[in-house]
Amino acid sequence: MSLATDHANRWVTALTSDTAAAVDLYADDLVYDDHADSDHMIDTAITKAELQPRLAVFANSDTDNGIGIHRFTATEAFQLAGVNGNPAVVTLWDWTGEGLDTFRGVPTGGRTLQTRGITWHQLDGEGRIERETTYWNDTPVLQELGLPILTPEYWVEGFDPAALAQ
């Protein structure tokens, strides 16, 4: 296996099974920025103590507490040139959430939810994660939950942006 594949599999496994092991994958000097969070200044973790509660939800194993069971599958991973001679890894992942009371504050109605996302990790010289940026594709999930989010296909011939104002 490649460095990227090994890293991605180790990350998703720890993330969903052992919060302490997941936190140990990160360097002491870290920046964790999950773009599902609402406020960059407040929600970005820069210490392991701040990171731990943000990751803990994903390793939840209690099917009755409303936090849900989270599954991540690394579908693709790529090694990129990073900084200071250290590699970066980009992981494309699939996520499934079962038993969540809410998703981003929206009641789930008991639905099993699925989406995809992408995470970029800058690794340090010891292979620990120094910087993380994660993007979730929330739109289809929020649409499934009944939010009226428009996803116009701007690239389709004849698309009229004025149609969005109706």
N, C-alpha and C. Protein backbone atom coordinates (compact mmCIF):
# COMPACT_ATOMS: atom_id res chain seq x y z
N MET A 1 0.83 -1.19 0.00
CA MET A 1 0.00 0.00 0.00
C MET A 1 0.87 1.24 0.00
N SER A 2 0.26 2.33 -0.41
CA SER A 2 0.99 3.59 -0.46
C SER A 2 0.87 4.33 0.87
N LEU A 3 1.72 5.32 1.05
CA LEU A 3 1.64 6.16 2.24
C LEU A 3 0.25 6.77 2.36
N ALA A 4 -0.30 7.26 1.26
CA ALA A 4 -1.61 7.91 1.29
C ALA A 4 -2.70 6.92 1.71
N THR A 5 -2.72 5.74 1.13
CA THR A 5 -3.73 4.74 1.46
C THR A 5 -3.59 4.28 2.91
N ASP A 6 -2.36 4.03 3.34
CA ASP A 6 -2.13 3.62 4.73
C ASP A 6 -2.62 4.70 5.69
N HIS A 7 -2.25 5.94 5.41
CA HIS A 7 -2.65 7.05 6.27
C HIS A 7 -4.17 7.17 6.32
N ALA A 8 -4.82 7.17 5.17
CA ALA A 8 -6.27 7.34 5.11
C ALA A 8 -6.99 6.23 5.87
N ASN A 9 -6.56 4.99 5.69
CA ASN A 9 -7.20 3.87 6.39
C ASN A 9 -6.98 3.93 7.89
N ARG A 10 -5.78 4.30 8.30
CA ARG A 10 -5.48 4.43 9.73
C ARG A 10 -6.35 5.55 10.34
N TRP A 11 -6.50 6.64 9.63
CA TRP A 11 -7.28 7.78 10.11
C TRP A 11 -8.76 7.43 10.26
N VAL A 12 -9.39 6.86 9.20
CA VAL A 12 -10.83 6.56 9.30
C VAL A 12 -11.10 5.46 10.33
N THR A 13 -10.20 4.52 10.49
CA THR A 13 -10.37 3.46 11.48
C THR A 13 -10.32 4.03 12.89
N ALA A 14 -9.31 4.83 13.18
CA ALA A 14 -9.21 5.43 14.52
C ALA A 14 -10.36 6.39 14.77
N LEU A 15 -10.72 7.18 13.77
CA LEU A 15 -11.78 8.17 13.91
C LEU A 15 -13.09 7.55 14.37
N THR A 16 -13.40 6.36 13.86
CA THR A 16 -14.70 5.75 14.15
C THR A 16 -14.64 4.68 15.24
N SER A 17 -13.48 4.46 15.83
CA SER A 17 -13.41 3.39 16.83
C SER A 17 -12.71 3.77 18.13
N ASP A 18 -11.78 4.73 18.09
CA ASP A 18 -10.96 5.00 19.27
C ASP A 18 -10.51 6.46 19.24
N THR A 19 -11.22 7.32 19.95
CA THR A 19 -10.93 8.75 19.92
C THR A 19 -9.50 9.05 20.37
N ALA A 20 -9.02 8.38 21.40
CA ALA A 20 -7.65 8.62 21.87
C ALA A 20 -6.64 8.28 20.76
N ALA A 21 -6.85 7.18 20.07
CA ALA A 21 -5.96 6.81 18.96
C ALA A 21 -6.06 7.81 17.83
N ALA A 22 -7.26 8.32 17.58
CA ALA A 22 -7.42 9.33 16.53
C ALA A 22 -6.67 10.60 16.90
N VAL A 23 -6.82 11.06 18.13
CA VAL A 23 -6.12 12.28 18.58
C VAL A 23 -4.61 12.08 18.49
N ASP A 24 -4.13 10.87 18.79
CA ASP A 24 -2.69 10.59 18.71
C ASP A 24 -2.14 10.69 17.29
N LEU A 25 -2.99 10.65 16.29
CA LEU A 25 -2.53 10.81 14.90
C LEU A 25 -2.13 12.26 14.60
N TYR A 26 -2.48 13.18 15.49
CA TYR A 26 -2.24 14.60 15.26
C TYR A 26 -0.99 15.07 16.01
N ALA A 27 -0.30 16.02 15.42
CA ALA A 27 0.87 16.64 16.05
C ALA A 27 0.40 17.53 17.20
N ASP A 28 1.30 17.83 18.10
CA ASP A 28 0.97 18.74 19.21
C ASP A 28 0.64 20.13 18.68
N ASP A 29 1.34 20.57 17.66
CA ASP A 29 1.08 21.86 17.01
C ASP A 29 0.15 21.58 15.84
N LEU A 30 -1.16 21.80 16.02
CA LEU A 30 -2.12 21.39 15.00
C LEU A 30 -3.12 22.49 14.71
N VAL A 31 -3.71 22.39 13.55
CA VAL A 31 -4.88 23.21 13.19
C VAL A 31 -5.88 22.26 12.55
N TYR A 32 -7.05 22.13 13.19
CA TYR A 32 -8.13 21.27 12.70
C TYR A 32 -9.28 22.17 12.30
N ASP A 33 -9.64 22.13 11.03
CA ASP A 33 -10.69 23.01 10.51
C ASP A 33 -11.68 22.17 9.71
N ASP A 34 -12.80 21.85 10.35
CA ASP A 34 -13.86 21.08 9.72
C ASP A 34 -14.88 22.07 9.19
N HIS A 35 -15.03 22.14 7.89
CA HIS A 35 -15.91 23.15 7.30
C HIS A 35 -17.39 22.84 7.46
N ALA A 36 -17.70 21.88 8.30
CA ALA A 36 -19.09 21.68 8.68
C ALA A 36 -19.41 22.53 9.90
N ASP A 37 -18.37 23.03 10.54
CA ASP A 37 -18.56 23.88 11.71
C ASP A 37 -19.08 25.23 11.27
N SER A 38 -19.63 25.96 12.21
CA SER A 38 -20.32 27.19 11.86
C SER A 38 -19.48 28.45 11.96
N ASP A 39 -18.42 28.44 12.73
CA ASP A 39 -17.66 29.66 12.95
C ASP A 39 -16.18 29.32 13.00
N HIS A 40 -15.44 29.76 12.00
CA HIS A 40 -14.02 29.43 11.89
C HIS A 40 -13.24 29.85 13.13
N MET A 41 -13.53 31.01 13.66
CA MET A 41 -12.76 31.51 14.80
C MET A 41 -13.04 30.70 16.07
N ILE A 42 -14.26 30.22 16.22
CA ILE A 42 -14.63 29.49 17.43
C ILE A 42 -14.43 27.99 17.26
N ASP A 43 -14.73 27.44 16.09
CA ASP A 43 -14.78 26.00 15.90
C ASP A 43 -13.47 25.36 15.46
N THR A 44 -12.46 26.12 15.15
CA THR A 44 -11.19 25.55 14.74
C THR A 44 -10.38 25.15 15.96
N ALA A 45 -10.00 23.87 16.02
CA ALA A 45 -9.20 23.37 17.15
C ALA A 45 -7.72 23.59 16.86
N ILE A 46 -6.98 24.02 17.89
CA ILE A 46 -5.53 24.20 17.74
C ILE A 46 -4.75 23.46 18.82
N THR A 47 -5.46 22.74 19.68
CA THR A 47 -4.81 21.90 20.68
C THR A 47 -5.49 20.54 20.68
N LYS A 48 -4.80 19.54 21.19
CA LYS A 48 -5.40 18.21 21.28
C LYS A 48 -6.61 18.21 22.23
N ALA A 49 -6.56 19.05 23.26
CA ALA A 49 -7.70 19.15 24.18
C ALA A 49 -8.94 19.70 23.47
N GLU A 50 -8.75 20.63 22.55
CA GLU A 50 -9.87 21.15 21.76
C GLU A 50 -10.31 20.15 20.70
N LEU A 51 -9.37 19.39 20.17
CA LEU A 51 -9.66 18.42 19.12
C LEU A 51 -10.48 17.23 19.62
N GLN A 52 -10.16 16.75 20.81
CA GLN A 52 -10.77 15.52 21.32
C GLN A 52 -12.30 15.53 21.27
N PRO A 53 -12.99 16.56 21.77
CA PRO A 53 -14.46 16.50 21.71
C PRO A 53 -15.01 16.62 20.29
N ARG A 54 -14.26 17.21 19.38
CA ARG A 54 -14.73 17.32 18.00
C ARG A 54 -14.68 15.96 17.30
N LEU A 55 -13.70 15.13 17.68
CA LEU A 55 -13.58 13.80 17.08
C LEU A 55 -14.41 12.75 17.80
N ALA A 56 -14.67 12.94 19.09
CA ALA A 56 -15.32 11.91 19.91
C ALA A 56 -16.66 11.46 19.35
N VAL A 57 -17.42 12.36 18.78
CA VAL A 57 -18.74 12.01 18.24
C VAL A 57 -18.65 10.88 17.22
N PHE A 58 -17.58 10.84 16.45
CA PHE A 58 -17.47 9.86 15.37
C PHE A 58 -17.19 8.45 15.86
N ALA A 59 -16.69 8.31 17.09
CA ALA A 59 -16.41 6.99 17.65
C ALA A 59 -17.53 6.54 18.60
N ASN A 60 -18.61 7.28 18.64
CA ASN A 60 -19.73 6.91 19.51
C ASN A 60 -20.18 5.49 19.18
N SER A 61 -20.43 4.69 20.22
CA SER A 61 -20.92 3.33 20.00
C SER A 61 -22.26 3.08 20.68
N ASP A 62 -22.82 4.10 21.32
CA ASP A 62 -24.11 3.99 22.00
C ASP A 62 -25.21 4.26 20.98
N THR A 63 -25.97 3.25 20.66
CA THR A 63 -27.01 3.39 19.63
C THR A 63 -28.24 4.14 20.12
N ASP A 64 -28.32 4.43 21.40
CA ASP A 64 -29.51 5.04 21.97
C ASP A 64 -29.35 6.49 22.41
N ASN A 65 -28.17 7.07 22.29
CA ASN A 65 -27.96 8.42 22.83
C ASN A 65 -28.24 9.55 21.84
N GLY A 66 -28.62 9.23 20.62
CA GLY A 66 -28.96 10.25 19.63
C GLY A 66 -27.78 10.82 18.88
N ILE A 67 -26.55 10.51 19.32
CA ILE A 67 -25.35 10.99 18.62
C ILE A 67 -25.16 10.23 17.33
N GLY A 68 -25.59 8.98 17.34
CA GLY A 68 -25.53 8.16 16.13
C GLY A 68 -24.26 7.37 16.00
N ILE A 69 -24.32 6.43 15.10
CA ILE A 69 -23.17 5.60 14.73
C ILE A 69 -22.66 6.13 13.39
N HIS A 70 -21.39 6.46 13.37
CA HIS A 70 -20.78 7.07 12.18
C HIS A 70 -19.82 6.08 11.54
N ARG A 71 -19.92 5.96 10.23
CA ARG A 71 -18.99 5.12 9.48
C ARG A 71 -18.35 5.95 8.38
N PHE A 72 -17.05 5.91 8.32
CA PHE A 72 -16.30 6.56 7.25
C PHE A 72 -15.57 5.48 6.48
N THR A 73 -15.59 5.57 5.17
CA THR A 73 -14.82 4.68 4.31
C THR A 73 -13.95 5.54 3.41
N ALA A 74 -12.66 5.33 3.48
CA ALA A 74 -11.75 6.05 2.58
C ALA A 74 -11.86 5.40 1.21
N THR A 75 -12.36 6.14 0.24
CA THR A 75 -12.55 5.58 -1.10
C THR A 75 -11.36 5.85 -2.01
N GLU A 76 -10.68 6.96 -1.79
CA GLU A 76 -9.47 7.27 -2.55
C GLU A 76 -8.56 8.10 -1.68
N ALA A 77 -7.26 7.95 -1.87
CA ALA A 77 -6.29 8.76 -1.13
C ALA A 77 -5.12 9.06 -2.05
N PHE A 78 -4.66 10.30 -1.97
CA PHE A 78 -3.59 10.76 -2.84
C PHE A 78 -2.53 11.47 -2.00
N GLN A 79 -1.28 11.17 -2.30
CA GLN A 79 -0.17 11.88 -1.67
C GLN A 79 0.17 13.07 -2.54
N LEU A 80 0.34 14.22 -1.89
CA LEU A 80 0.69 15.45 -2.58
C LEU A 80 1.96 16.01 -1.99
N ALA A 81 2.59 16.90 -2.73
CA ALA A 81 3.72 17.63 -2.17
C ALA A 81 3.19 18.54 -1.08
N GLY A 82 3.78 18.47 0.08
CA GLY A 82 3.35 19.30 1.19
C GLY A 82 4.32 20.43 1.40
N VAL A 83 4.53 20.78 2.65
CA VAL A 83 5.46 21.86 2.99
C VAL A 83 6.64 21.31 3.76
N ASN A 84 7.75 22.01 3.68
CA ASN A 84 8.99 21.65 4.38
C ASN A 84 9.44 20.23 4.08
N GLY A 85 9.17 19.77 2.86
CA GLY A 85 9.59 18.43 2.45
C GLY A 85 8.72 17.31 2.98
N ASN A 86 7.68 17.64 3.71
CA ASN A 86 6.78 16.63 4.26
C ASN A 86 5.55 16.49 3.36
N PRO A 87 5.03 15.27 3.22
CA PRO A 87 3.91 15.06 2.32
C PRO A 87 2.58 15.56 2.90
N ALA A 88 1.65 15.74 2.02
CA ALA A 88 0.26 15.97 2.38
C ALA A 88 -0.53 14.80 1.80
N VAL A 89 -1.68 14.51 2.41
CA VAL A 89 -2.55 13.44 1.93
C VAL A 89 -3.95 13.99 1.80
N VAL A 90 -4.57 13.73 0.67
CA VAL A 90 -5.96 14.09 0.45
C VAL A 90 -6.75 12.78 0.40
N THR A 91 -7.82 12.73 1.21
CA THR A 91 -8.65 11.53 1.29
C THR A 91 -10.08 11.88 0.89
N LEU A 92 -10.60 11.15 -0.07
CA LEU A 92 -12.01 11.23 -0.42
C LEU A 92 -12.70 10.11 0.36
N TRP A 93 -13.79 10.45 1.06
CA TRP A 93 -14.44 9.47 1.91
C TRP A 93 -15.94 9.49 1.74
N ASP A 94 -16.53 8.35 2.08
CA ASP A 94 -17.98 8.21 2.17
C ASP A 94 -18.33 8.13 3.65
N TRP A 95 -19.45 8.72 4.01
CA TRP A 95 -19.91 8.72 5.40
C TRP A 95 -21.34 8.21 5.46
N THR A 96 -21.62 7.42 6.49
CA THR A 96 -22.97 6.99 6.81
C THR A 96 -23.21 7.28 8.28
N GLY A 97 -24.36 7.86 8.56
CA GLY A 97 -24.77 8.12 9.94
C GLY A 97 -26.10 7.46 10.22
N GLU A 98 -26.14 6.61 11.25
CA GLU A 98 -27.38 5.92 11.65
C GLU A 98 -27.70 6.28 13.08
N GLY A 99 -28.98 6.50 13.36
CA GLY A 99 -29.40 6.76 14.73
C GLY A 99 -29.12 8.16 15.21
N LEU A 100 -28.87 9.09 14.31
CA LEU A 100 -28.65 10.48 14.69
C LEU A 100 -30.00 11.15 14.94
N ASP A 101 -30.13 11.85 16.05
CA ASP A 101 -31.35 12.62 16.28
C ASP A 101 -31.42 13.81 15.33
N THR A 102 -30.25 14.45 15.12
CA THR A 102 -30.19 15.61 14.23
C THR A 102 -28.93 15.54 13.37
N PHE A 103 -28.95 16.27 12.28
CA PHE A 103 -27.78 16.47 11.42
C PHE A 103 -27.69 17.97 11.19
N ARG A 104 -26.63 18.58 11.69
CA ARG A 104 -26.44 20.03 11.59
C ARG A 104 -27.64 20.78 12.18
N GLY A 105 -28.23 20.19 13.22
CA GLY A 105 -29.36 20.80 13.90
C GLY A 105 -30.72 20.50 13.31
N VAL A 106 -30.76 19.76 12.21
CA VAL A 106 -32.02 19.42 11.55
C VAL A 106 -32.43 18.01 11.98
N PRO A 107 -33.66 17.84 12.47
CA PRO A 107 -34.11 16.50 12.87
C PRO A 107 -34.02 15.51 11.69
N THR A 108 -33.56 14.31 11.98
CA THR A 108 -33.38 13.31 10.92
C THR A 108 -34.59 12.44 10.69
N GLY A 109 -35.52 12.42 11.61
CA GLY A 109 -36.69 11.55 11.45
C GLY A 109 -36.32 10.08 11.39
N GLY A 110 -35.19 9.72 11.98
CA GLY A 110 -34.77 8.32 12.01
C GLY A 110 -34.09 7.83 10.73
N ARG A 111 -33.88 8.73 9.78
CA ARG A 111 -33.26 8.31 8.52
C ARG A 111 -31.79 7.94 8.72
N THR A 112 -31.33 6.98 7.93
CA THR A 112 -29.91 6.72 7.79
C THR A 112 -29.41 7.68 6.71
N LEU A 113 -28.38 8.42 7.03
CA LEU A 113 -27.89 9.46 6.13
C LEU A 113 -26.57 9.04 5.50
N GLN A 114 -26.34 9.54 4.29
CA GLN A 114 -25.08 9.25 3.60
C GLN A 114 -24.64 10.47 2.83
N THR A 115 -23.34 10.68 2.79
CA THR A 115 -22.77 11.72 1.94
C THR A 115 -21.30 11.41 1.71
N ARG A 116 -20.66 12.32 1.02
CA ARG A 116 -19.23 12.20 0.74
C ARG A 116 -18.55 13.45 1.23
N GLY A 117 -17.26 13.35 1.38
CA GLY A 117 -16.47 14.50 1.76
C GLY A 117 -15.02 14.30 1.38
N ILE A 118 -14.24 15.31 1.68
CA ILE A 118 -12.82 15.26 1.36
C ILE A 118 -12.05 15.91 2.50
N THR A 119 -10.93 15.30 2.84
CA THR A 119 -10.09 15.82 3.92
C THR A 119 -8.66 15.92 3.42
N TRP A 120 -8.05 17.06 3.72
CA TRP A 120 -6.64 17.30 3.41
C TRP A 120 -5.86 17.30 4.71
N HIS A 121 -4.78 16.54 4.75
CA HIS A 121 -3.89 16.51 5.90
C HIS A 121 -2.49 16.90 5.48
N GLN A 122 -1.92 17.89 6.15
CA GLN A 122 -0.50 18.17 6.02
C GLN A 122 0.19 17.40 7.13
N LEU A 123 1.13 16.55 6.78
CA LEU A 123 1.83 15.73 7.75
C LEU A 123 3.14 16.39 8.17
N ASP A 124 3.58 16.10 9.40
CA ASP A 124 4.87 16.59 9.83
C ASP A 124 5.94 15.54 9.54
N GLY A 125 7.15 15.75 9.99
CA GLY A 125 8.25 14.83 9.72
C GLY A 125 8.08 13.45 10.34
N GLU A 126 7.19 13.33 11.32
CA GLU A 126 6.93 12.04 11.96
C GLU A 126 5.65 11.39 11.43
N GLY A 127 5.04 12.00 10.42
CA GLY A 127 3.82 11.45 9.83
C GLY A 127 2.55 11.80 10.59
N ARG A 128 2.66 12.73 11.55
CA ARG A 128 1.47 13.17 12.30
C ARG A 128 0.80 14.32 11.55
N ILE A 129 -0.48 14.48 11.81
CA ILE A 129 -1.27 15.49 11.12
C ILE A 129 -1.03 16.85 11.79
N GLU A 130 -0.50 17.78 11.02
CA GLU A 130 -0.29 19.14 11.52
C GLU A 130 -1.47 20.05 11.19
N ARG A 131 -2.00 19.88 10.00
CA ARG A 131 -3.10 20.72 9.53
C ARG A 131 -4.15 19.83 8.89
N GLU A 132 -5.41 20.12 9.17
CA GLU A 132 -6.50 19.40 8.54
C GLU A 132 -7.55 20.38 8.08
N THR A 133 -8.02 20.15 6.87
CA THR A 133 -9.18 20.87 6.36
C THR A 133 -10.13 19.81 5.79
N THR A 134 -11.38 19.84 6.25
CA THR A 134 -12.38 18.87 5.83
C THR A 134 -13.59 19.59 5.28
N TYR A 135 -14.10 19.08 4.17
CA TYR A 135 -15.32 19.59 3.55
C TYR A 135 -16.33 18.45 3.44
N TRP A 136 -17.53 18.68 3.95
CA TRP A 136 -18.63 17.73 3.84
C TRP A 136 -19.55 18.18 2.71
N ASN A 137 -20.07 17.24 1.94
CA ASN A 137 -21.10 17.57 0.95
C ASN A 137 -22.46 17.47 1.65
N ASP A 138 -22.80 18.51 2.37
CA ASP A 138 -24.03 18.54 3.17
C ASP A 138 -25.29 18.73 2.34
N THR A 139 -25.18 19.34 1.20
CA THR A 139 -26.38 19.73 0.44
C THR A 139 -27.35 18.57 0.21
N PRO A 140 -26.92 17.42 -0.33
CA PRO A 140 -27.91 16.36 -0.56
C PRO A 140 -28.54 15.83 0.73
N VAL A 141 -27.79 15.82 1.81
CA VAL A 141 -28.34 15.34 3.09
C VAL A 141 -29.40 16.32 3.58
N LEU A 142 -29.08 17.61 3.56
CA LEU A 142 -30.03 18.61 4.02
C LEU A 142 -31.27 18.65 3.12
N GLN A 143 -31.09 18.43 1.83
CA GLN A 143 -32.25 18.34 0.93
C GLN A 143 -33.12 17.13 1.29
N GLU A 144 -32.48 16.00 1.56
CA GLU A 144 -33.22 14.80 1.95
C GLU A 144 -34.01 15.04 3.23
N LEU A 145 -33.48 15.87 4.11
CA LEU A 145 -34.15 16.18 5.37
C LEU A 145 -35.21 17.28 5.22
N GLY A 146 -35.41 17.74 3.98
CA GLY A 146 -36.51 18.66 3.71
C GLY A 146 -36.16 20.12 3.61
N LEU A 147 -34.89 20.49 3.72
CA LEU A 147 -34.53 21.89 3.56
C LEU A 147 -34.59 22.26 2.08
N PRO A 148 -35.16 23.40 1.76
CA PRO A 148 -35.33 23.79 0.35
C PRO A 148 -34.05 24.41 -0.22
N ILE A 149 -33.02 23.61 -0.38
CA ILE A 149 -31.76 24.09 -0.92
C ILE A 149 -31.75 23.83 -2.42
N LEU A 150 -31.60 24.90 -3.19
CA LEU A 150 -31.57 24.78 -4.65
C LEU A 150 -30.17 24.40 -5.10
N THR A 151 -30.11 23.51 -6.07
CA THR A 151 -28.83 23.14 -6.68
C THR A 151 -28.97 23.24 -8.19
N PRO A 152 -29.02 24.47 -8.69
CA PRO A 152 -29.21 24.66 -10.13
C PRO A 152 -28.02 24.15 -10.93
N GLU A 153 -28.33 23.64 -12.09
CA GLU A 153 -27.29 23.13 -12.98
C GLU A 153 -26.93 24.25 -13.96
N TYR A 154 -26.05 25.13 -13.51
CA TYR A 154 -25.66 26.32 -14.27
C TYR A 154 -25.07 25.97 -15.64
N TRP A 155 -24.50 24.80 -15.75
CA TRP A 155 -23.79 24.42 -16.97
C TRP A 155 -24.73 23.92 -18.08
N VAL A 156 -25.99 23.70 -17.76
CA VAL A 156 -26.93 23.18 -18.74
C VAL A 156 -27.32 24.31 -19.70
N GLU A 157 -27.25 24.00 -20.99
CA GLU A 157 -27.59 24.99 -22.00
C GLU A 157 -29.00 25.53 -21.77
N GLY A 158 -29.11 26.83 -21.84
CA GLY A 158 -30.41 27.48 -21.67
C GLY A 158 -30.76 27.80 -20.23
N PHE A 159 -29.85 27.52 -19.29
CA PHE A 159 -30.15 27.84 -17.89
C PHE A 159 -30.35 29.34 -17.74
N ASP A 160 -31.42 29.72 -17.07
CA ASP A 160 -31.75 31.12 -16.86
C ASP A 160 -31.63 31.43 -15.37
N PRO A 161 -30.60 32.21 -14.94
CA PRO A 161 -30.44 32.53 -13.53
C PRO A 161 -31.67 33.25 -12.95
N ALA A 162 -32.45 33.92 -13.78
CA ALA A 162 -33.65 34.60 -13.29
C ALA A 162 -34.65 33.60 -12.73
N ALA A 163 -34.57 32.35 -13.16
CA ALA A 163 -35.49 31.33 -12.66
C ALA A 163 -35.32 31.08 -11.17
N LEU A 164 -34.15 31.43 -10.63
CA LEU A 164 -33.90 31.24 -9.21
C LEU A 164 -34.66 32.25 -8.35
N ALA A 165 -35.03 33.37 -8.91
CA ALA A 165 -35.71 34.43 -8.17
C ALA A 165 -37.22 34.16 -8.04
N GLN A 166 -37.71 33.15 -8.68
CA GLN A 166 -39.15 32.89 -8.66
C GLN A 166 -39.58 32.20 -7.40
